[in-house]
């Protein structure tokens, strides 16, 4: 760190938003497909996709890329904003409370987060 770096604004974080968006959509679909393949399942076997939601546009792009109908992807970012690591647990609680999850449903949890980390899990509810 030096006065010159601060003066030039190079000490501030910078993000290439469109590149992050494309990377997130790609990684979401890849990691979900990996989980499905490992369990000999198909995209249309998913009863509910619960993605981490840093951005509603990412969630919608993932839904479209996967060919899932709107009612099979749960979003709540429009109500709370980005709840970071709490997003998926909050969504699961809301889905349970509103009886949108039934015994035997295949629920896919997927996340793409800071540090460019991503993961998914399949749960038989």
C-alpha atoms as a PDB file:
ATOM      1  CA  UNK A   1       0.000   0.000   0.000  1.00  0.00           C
ATOM      2  CA  UNK A   2       1.332   3.403  -0.884  1.00  0.00           C
ATOM      3  CA  UNK A   3      -0.079   6.902  -1.284  1.00  0.00           C
ATOM      4  CA  UNK A   4       0.201   6.454  -5.060  1.00  0.00           C
ATOM      5  CA  UNK A   5      -1.939   3.284  -4.982  1.00  0.00           C
ATOM      6  CA  UNK A   6      -4.578   5.081  -2.891  1.00  0.00           C
ATOM      7  CA  UNK A   7      -4.432   8.156  -5.115  1.00  0.00           C
ATOM      8  CA  UNK A   8      -5.019   5.982  -8.201  1.00  0.00           C
ATOM      9  CA  UNK A   9      -7.886   4.169  -6.507  1.00  0.00           C
ATOM     10  CA  UNK A  10      -6.198   0.788  -6.880  1.00  0.00           C
ATOM     11  CA  UNK A  11      -6.877  -0.028  -3.211  1.00  0.00           C
ATOM     12  CA  UNK A  12     -10.604  -0.299  -3.905  1.00  0.00           C
ATOM     13  CA  UNK A  13     -12.238  -3.574  -4.923  1.00  0.00           C
ATOM     14  CA  UNK A  14     -13.308  -3.869  -8.533  1.00  0.00           C
ATOM     15  CA  UNK A  15     -15.509  -6.458 -10.166  1.00  0.00           C
ATOM     16  CA  UNK A  16     -16.149  -7.224 -13.816  1.00  0.00           C
ATOM     17  CA  UNK A  17     -19.866  -7.783 -13.352  1.00  0.00           C
ATOM     18  CA  UNK A  18     -20.702  -9.315 -16.735  1.00  0.00           C
ATOM     19  CA  UNK A  19     -17.814 -11.794 -16.477  1.00  0.00           C
ATOM     20  CA  UNK A  20     -18.864 -12.797 -12.949  1.00  0.00           C
ATOM     21  CA  UNK A  21     -22.472 -13.208 -14.126  1.00  0.00           C
ATOM     22  CA  UNK A  22     -21.479 -15.518 -16.996  1.00  0.00           C
ATOM     23  CA  UNK A  23     -19.120 -17.506 -14.779  1.00  0.00           C
ATOM     24  CA  UNK A  24     -21.788 -17.933 -12.086  1.00  0.00           C
ATOM     25  CA  UNK A  25     -24.420 -19.168 -14.525  1.00  0.00           C
ATOM     26  CA  UNK A  26     -21.945 -21.596 -16.085  1.00  0.00           C
ATOM     27  CA  UNK A  27     -20.728 -22.959 -12.744  1.00  0.00           C
ATOM     28  CA  UNK A  28     -24.247 -23.265 -11.301  1.00  0.00           C
ATOM     29  CA  UNK A  29     -25.423 -25.405 -14.202  1.00  0.00           C
ATOM     30  CA  UNK A  30     -22.221 -27.469 -14.256  1.00  0.00           C
ATOM     31  CA  UNK A  31     -22.273 -28.280 -10.561  1.00  0.00           C
ATOM     32  CA  UNK A  32     -25.982 -29.147 -10.623  1.00  0.00           C
ATOM     33  CA  UNK A  33     -25.467 -31.397 -13.641  1.00  0.00           C
ATOM     34  CA  UNK A  34     -22.526 -33.093 -11.866  1.00  0.00           C
ATOM     35  CA  UNK A  35     -24.720 -33.928  -8.872  1.00  0.00           C
ATOM     36  CA  UNK A  36     -27.502 -35.205 -11.121  1.00  0.00           C
ATOM     37  CA  UNK A  37     -25.100 -37.348 -13.161  1.00  0.00           C
ATOM     38  CA  UNK A  38     -23.506 -38.814 -10.025  1.00  0.00           C
ATOM     39  CA  UNK A  39     -26.970 -39.891  -8.897  1.00  0.00           C
ATOM     40  CA  UNK A  40     -28.186 -41.043 -12.317  1.00  0.00           C
ATOM     41  CA  UNK A  41     -30.848 -38.341 -12.413  1.00  0.00           C
ATOM     42  CA  UNK A  42     -31.988 -35.799 -15.007  1.00  0.00           C
ATOM     43  CA  UNK A  43     -32.768 -32.097 -14.783  1.00  0.00           C
ATOM     44  CA  UNK A  44     -36.486 -32.796 -15.013  1.00  0.00           C
ATOM     45  CA  UNK A  45     -36.235 -34.970 -11.873  1.00  0.00           C
ATOM     46  CA  UNK A  46     -35.668 -31.833  -9.784  1.00  0.00           C
ATOM     47  CA  UNK A  47     -38.806 -30.870  -7.880  1.00  0.00           C
ATOM     48  CA  UNK A  48     -37.313 -27.680  -6.426  1.00  0.00           C
ATOM     49  CA  UNK A  49     -34.091 -25.818  -7.084  1.00  0.00           C
ATOM     50  CA  UNK A  50     -33.010 -23.604  -4.202  1.00  0.00           C
ATOM     51  CA  UNK A  51     -30.109 -21.447  -5.377  1.00  0.00           C
ATOM     52  CA  UNK A  52     -27.976 -19.053  -3.397  1.00  0.00           C
ATOM     53  CA  UNK A  53     -29.244 -15.660  -4.492  1.00  0.00           C
ATOM     54  CA  UNK A  54     -26.786 -12.842  -4.841  1.00  0.00           C
ATOM     55  CA  UNK A  55     -28.642 -11.656  -7.921  1.00  0.00           C
ATOM     56  CA  UNK A  56     -32.109 -12.535  -9.262  1.00  0.00           C
ATOM     57  CA  UNK A  57     -30.841 -12.297 -12.845  1.00  0.00           C
ATOM     58  CA  UNK A  58     -28.342 -15.098 -12.170  1.00  0.00           C
ATOM     59  CA  UNK A  59     -31.046 -17.308 -10.692  1.00  0.00           C
ATOM     60  CA  UNK A  60     -33.331 -16.661 -13.672  1.00  0.00           C
ATOM     61  CA  UNK A  61     -30.528 -17.340 -16.167  1.00  0.00           C
ATOM     62  CA  UNK A  62     -29.739 -20.638 -14.422  1.00  0.00           C
ATOM     63  CA  UNK A  63     -33.428 -21.581 -14.491  1.00  0.00           C
ATOM     64  CA  UNK A  64     -33.631 -20.865 -18.211  1.00  0.00           C
ATOM     65  CA  UNK A  65     -30.347 -22.626 -19.002  1.00  0.00           C
ATOM     66  CA  UNK A  66     -31.574 -25.715 -17.180  1.00  0.00           C
ATOM     67  CA  UNK A  67     -35.005 -25.638 -18.798  1.00  0.00           C
ATOM     68  CA  UNK A  68     -36.827 -25.550 -15.456  1.00  0.00           C
ATOM     69  CA  UNK A  69     -40.271 -23.968 -15.083  1.00  0.00           C
ATOM     70  CA  UNK A  70     -40.584 -20.949 -12.780  1.00  0.00           C
ATOM     71  CA  UNK A  71     -42.445 -22.918 -10.114  1.00  0.00           C
ATOM     72  CA  UNK A  72     -39.460 -25.263  -9.680  1.00  0.00           C
ATOM     73  CA  UNK A  73     -36.995 -22.531  -8.660  1.00  0.00           C
ATOM     74  CA  UNK A  74     -37.489 -20.738  -5.358  1.00  0.00           C
ATOM     75  CA  UNK A  75     -36.341 -17.142  -5.031  1.00  0.00           C
ATOM     76  CA  UNK A  76     -36.721 -14.764  -2.124  1.00  0.00           C
ATOM     77  CA  UNK A  77     -34.036 -12.161  -2.899  1.00  0.00           C
ATOM     78  CA  UNK A  78     -36.787  -9.793  -4.008  1.00  0.00           C
ATOM     79  CA  UNK A  79     -38.100  -9.824  -0.401  1.00  0.00           C
ATOM     80  CA  UNK A  80     -34.870  -9.678   1.624  1.00  0.00           C
ATOM     81  CA  UNK A  81     -31.982  -8.777  -0.663  1.00  0.00           C
ATOM     82  CA  UNK A  82     -28.781 -10.809  -0.566  1.00  0.00           C
ATOM     83  CA  UNK A  83     -28.825 -12.774   2.698  1.00  0.00           C
ATOM     84  CA  UNK A  84     -25.459 -14.393   1.847  1.00  0.00           C
ATOM     85  CA  UNK A  85     -24.946 -17.755   3.580  1.00  0.00           C
ATOM     86  CA  UNK A  86     -28.443 -17.676   5.091  1.00  0.00           C
ATOM     87  CA  UNK A  87     -30.227 -17.691   1.728  1.00  0.00           C
ATOM     88  CA  UNK A  88     -30.684 -21.431   1.306  1.00  0.00           C
ATOM     89  CA  UNK A  89     -31.782 -22.136   4.915  1.00  0.00           C
ATOM     90  CA  UNK A  90     -34.266 -19.247   4.781  1.00  0.00           C
ATOM     91  CA  UNK A  91     -35.654 -20.534   1.473  1.00  0.00           C
ATOM     92  CA  UNK A  92     -36.004 -24.075   2.831  1.00  0.00           C
ATOM     93  CA  UNK A  93     -37.854 -22.768   5.866  1.00  0.00           C
ATOM     94  CA  UNK A  94     -40.239 -20.749   3.704  1.00  0.00           C
ATOM     95  CA  UNK A  95     -40.838 -23.681   1.363  1.00  0.00           C
ATOM     96  CA  UNK A  96     -41.596 -25.958   4.315  1.00  0.00           C
ATOM     97  CA  UNK A  97     -43.893 -23.418   6.001  1.00  0.00           C
ATOM     98  CA  UNK A  98     -45.888 -22.908   2.792  1.00  0.00           C
ATOM     99  CA  UNK A  99     -46.044 -26.674   2.155  1.00  0.00           C
ATOM    100  CA  UNK A 100     -44.285 -26.374  -1.199  1.00  0.00           C
ATOM    101  CA  UNK A 101     -42.030 -29.297  -0.284  1.00  0.00           C
ATOM    102  CA  UNK A 102     -43.527 -32.753  -0.015  1.00  0.00           C
ATOM    103  CA  UNK A 103     -42.072 -36.000   1.269  1.00  0.00           C
ATOM    104  CA  UNK A 104     -40.006 -37.599  -1.478  1.00  0.00           C
ATOM    105  CA  UNK A 105     -39.351 -34.359  -3.417  1.00  0.00           C
ATOM    106  CA  UNK A 106     -35.907 -34.012  -4.967  1.00  0.00           C
ATOM    107  CA  UNK A 107     -34.508 -30.686  -3.783  1.00  0.00           C
ATOM    108  CA  UNK A 108     -31.372 -29.282  -5.354  1.00  0.00           C
ATOM    109  CA  UNK A 109     -29.362 -26.776  -3.344  1.00  0.00           C
ATOM    110  CA  UNK A 110     -26.774 -24.811  -5.281  1.00  0.00           C
ATOM    111  CA  UNK A 111     -24.445 -21.960  -4.453  1.00  0.00           C
ATOM    112  CA  UNK A 112     -21.903 -19.732  -6.101  1.00  0.00           C
ATOM    113  CA  UNK A 113     -20.177 -17.390  -3.728  1.00  0.00           C
ATOM    114  CA  UNK A 114     -17.374 -15.043  -2.945  1.00  0.00           C
ATOM    115  CA  UNK A 115     -13.950 -16.361  -3.668  1.00  0.00           C
ATOM    116  CA  UNK A 116     -15.458 -17.994  -6.735  1.00  0.00           C
ATOM    117  CA  UNK A 117     -16.489 -21.131  -4.895  1.00  0.00           C
ATOM    118  CA  UNK A 118     -19.464 -23.234  -5.912  1.00  0.00           C
ATOM    119  CA  UNK A 119     -21.225 -26.411  -4.852  1.00  0.00           C
ATOM    120  CA  UNK A 120     -24.503 -28.260  -5.022  1.00  0.00           C
ATOM    121  CA  UNK A 121     -26.320 -30.944  -3.102  1.00  0.00           C
ATOM    122  CA  UNK A 122     -29.326 -33.099  -3.817  1.00  0.00           C
ATOM    123  CA  UNK A 123     -31.701 -33.905  -0.987  1.00  0.00           C
ATOM    124  CA  UNK A 124     -34.583 -36.344  -1.081  1.00  0.00           C
ATOM    125  CA  UNK A 125     -37.001 -34.464   1.191  1.00  0.00           C
END
